[in-house]
């Protein structure tokens, strides 16, 4: 792994503006299609390609922890603001891409992704 890859997302990961979140289903509607809250209840969840945190914040009330990862810095900034505004304490957000995950193996129980290419 070169230094650039280790410190940034570099050329990996493409994103659409976080405003596209308004076009997506509500988090609980989407979660219901995957089996409902039991999918994430009490688990350590990674929302890969989390954008502005729409789904991550929606599952946070059921999960033990939720980490959101996305290459869009503006989206991550928005997710962090939303988490603070909503008082969500078990969610963390970071800039990054699936091609270079900044997590150790076995950290998560469930990985979710929605509207991620």
Protein backbone atom coordinates (compact mmCIF):
# COMPACT_ATOMS: atom_id res chain seq x y z
CA UNK A 1 0.00 0.00 0.00
CA UNK A 2 1.50 3.34 -0.98
CA UNK A 3 1.49 6.38 1.30
CA UNK A 4 -1.27 8.14 -0.64
CA UNK A 5 -3.59 5.15 -0.36
CA UNK A 6 -2.92 4.84 3.35
CA UNK A 7 -3.75 8.48 4.07
CA UNK A 8 -6.59 9.29 1.68
CA UNK A 9 -9.09 7.69 -0.61
CA UNK A 10 -6.98 8.81 -3.57
CA UNK A 11 -8.53 7.91 -6.89
CA UNK A 12 -10.85 5.23 -5.53
CA UNK A 13 -14.53 5.75 -4.88
CA UNK A 14 -16.92 7.95 -6.77
CA UNK A 15 -19.88 9.65 -5.24
CA UNK A 16 -23.06 11.52 -5.99
CA UNK A 17 -24.09 14.66 -4.10
CA UNK A 18 -25.48 13.95 -0.63
CA UNK A 19 -28.69 15.71 -1.69
CA UNK A 20 -29.59 12.54 -3.57
CA UNK A 21 -30.43 11.13 -0.13
CA UNK A 22 -33.81 12.83 -0.43
CA UNK A 23 -34.65 10.49 -3.31
CA UNK A 24 -34.08 7.33 -1.29
CA UNK A 25 -36.55 5.37 0.85
CA UNK A 26 -36.85 6.13 4.55
CA UNK A 27 -34.34 4.07 6.55
CA UNK A 28 -36.95 1.96 8.35
CA UNK A 29 -38.72 1.19 5.07
CA UNK A 30 -35.46 0.02 3.59
CA UNK A 31 -34.50 -1.91 6.70
CA UNK A 32 -37.89 -3.66 6.62
CA UNK A 33 -37.07 -5.00 3.16
CA UNK A 34 -33.96 -6.66 4.63
CA UNK A 35 -35.78 -8.29 7.53
CA UNK A 36 -36.36 -5.36 9.88
CA UNK A 37 -34.51 -4.14 12.95
CA UNK A 38 -33.47 -7.66 13.98
CA UNK A 39 -30.84 -7.50 11.22
CA UNK A 40 -28.91 -4.86 13.18
CA UNK A 41 -30.26 -5.09 16.75
CA UNK A 42 -27.38 -5.06 19.23
CA UNK A 43 -24.80 -5.48 16.46
CA UNK A 44 -21.73 -3.58 15.29
CA UNK A 45 -22.76 -2.23 11.89
CA UNK A 46 -20.75 -0.76 9.02
CA UNK A 47 -22.69 1.37 6.54
CA UNK A 48 -20.46 1.27 3.48
CA UNK A 49 -21.02 4.23 1.17
CA UNK A 50 -23.07 5.99 3.84
CA UNK A 51 -23.27 9.38 2.10
CA UNK A 52 -24.89 11.84 4.48
CA UNK A 53 -25.65 9.13 7.05
CA UNK A 54 -29.30 8.60 6.15
CA UNK A 55 -29.34 4.84 6.65
CA UNK A 56 -26.66 4.72 9.36
CA UNK A 57 -28.59 7.16 11.54
CA UNK A 58 -31.80 5.30 10.81
CA UNK A 59 -30.44 1.99 12.12
CA UNK A 60 -28.48 3.52 15.02
CA UNK A 61 -31.37 3.22 17.52
CA UNK A 62 -31.26 -0.56 17.09
CA UNK A 63 -27.52 -1.17 16.70
CA UNK A 64 -24.79 -1.37 19.30
CA UNK A 65 -22.59 0.85 17.12
CA UNK A 66 -22.72 2.14 13.55
CA UNK A 67 -19.75 3.29 11.52
CA UNK A 68 -20.37 5.08 8.24
CA UNK A 69 -17.71 5.25 5.54
CA UNK A 70 -17.90 7.28 2.32
CA UNK A 71 -15.43 9.00 -0.05
CA UNK A 72 -17.55 12.18 -0.10
CA UNK A 73 -16.11 14.62 2.47
CA UNK A 74 -19.19 16.85 2.29
CA UNK A 75 -21.45 13.86 2.87
CA UNK A 76 -19.43 12.76 5.90
CA UNK A 77 -19.49 16.31 7.30
CA UNK A 78 -23.26 16.32 6.88
CA UNK A 79 -23.58 12.92 8.59
CA UNK A 80 -21.56 14.14 11.56
CA UNK A 81 -23.70 17.29 11.86
CA UNK A 82 -26.89 15.25 11.67
CA UNK A 83 -25.67 12.81 14.31
CA UNK A 84 -24.85 15.68 16.69
CA UNK A 85 -28.16 17.45 15.99
CA UNK A 86 -30.13 14.24 16.56
CA UNK A 87 -28.14 13.29 19.67
CA UNK A 88 -26.98 9.99 18.18
CA UNK A 89 -24.01 8.84 20.25
CA UNK A 90 -23.36 5.37 18.85
CA UNK A 91 -22.56 6.44 15.27
CA UNK A 92 -19.20 7.48 13.85
CA UNK A 93 -18.41 8.64 10.33
CA UNK A 94 -15.19 8.71 8.34
CA UNK A 95 -13.99 9.53 4.85
CA UNK A 96 -12.82 6.41 3.06
CA UNK A 97 -13.62 3.86 0.39
CA UNK A 98 -14.42 0.16 0.26
CA UNK A 99 -11.28 -0.48 -1.77
CA UNK A 100 -9.15 0.47 1.23
CA UNK A 101 -11.07 -0.18 4.45
CA UNK A 102 -9.55 1.44 7.54
CA UNK A 103 -10.84 -1.29 9.89
CA UNK A 104 -9.45 -4.52 11.26
CA UNK A 105 -11.03 -7.82 10.23
CA UNK A 106 -13.89 -8.95 12.42
CA UNK A 107 -14.78 -5.49 13.75
CA UNK A 108 -18.35 -5.59 12.40
CA UNK A 109 -21.20 -8.05 12.68
CA UNK A 110 -23.14 -6.65 9.72
CA UNK A 111 -22.20 -4.57 6.69
CA UNK A 112 -24.99 -2.68 5.00
CA UNK A 113 -24.92 -0.63 1.83
CA UNK A 114 -27.66 1.15 0.04
CA UNK A 115 -27.68 2.94 -3.28
CA UNK A 116 -23.95 2.33 -3.50
CA UNK A 117 -22.38 1.62 -6.84
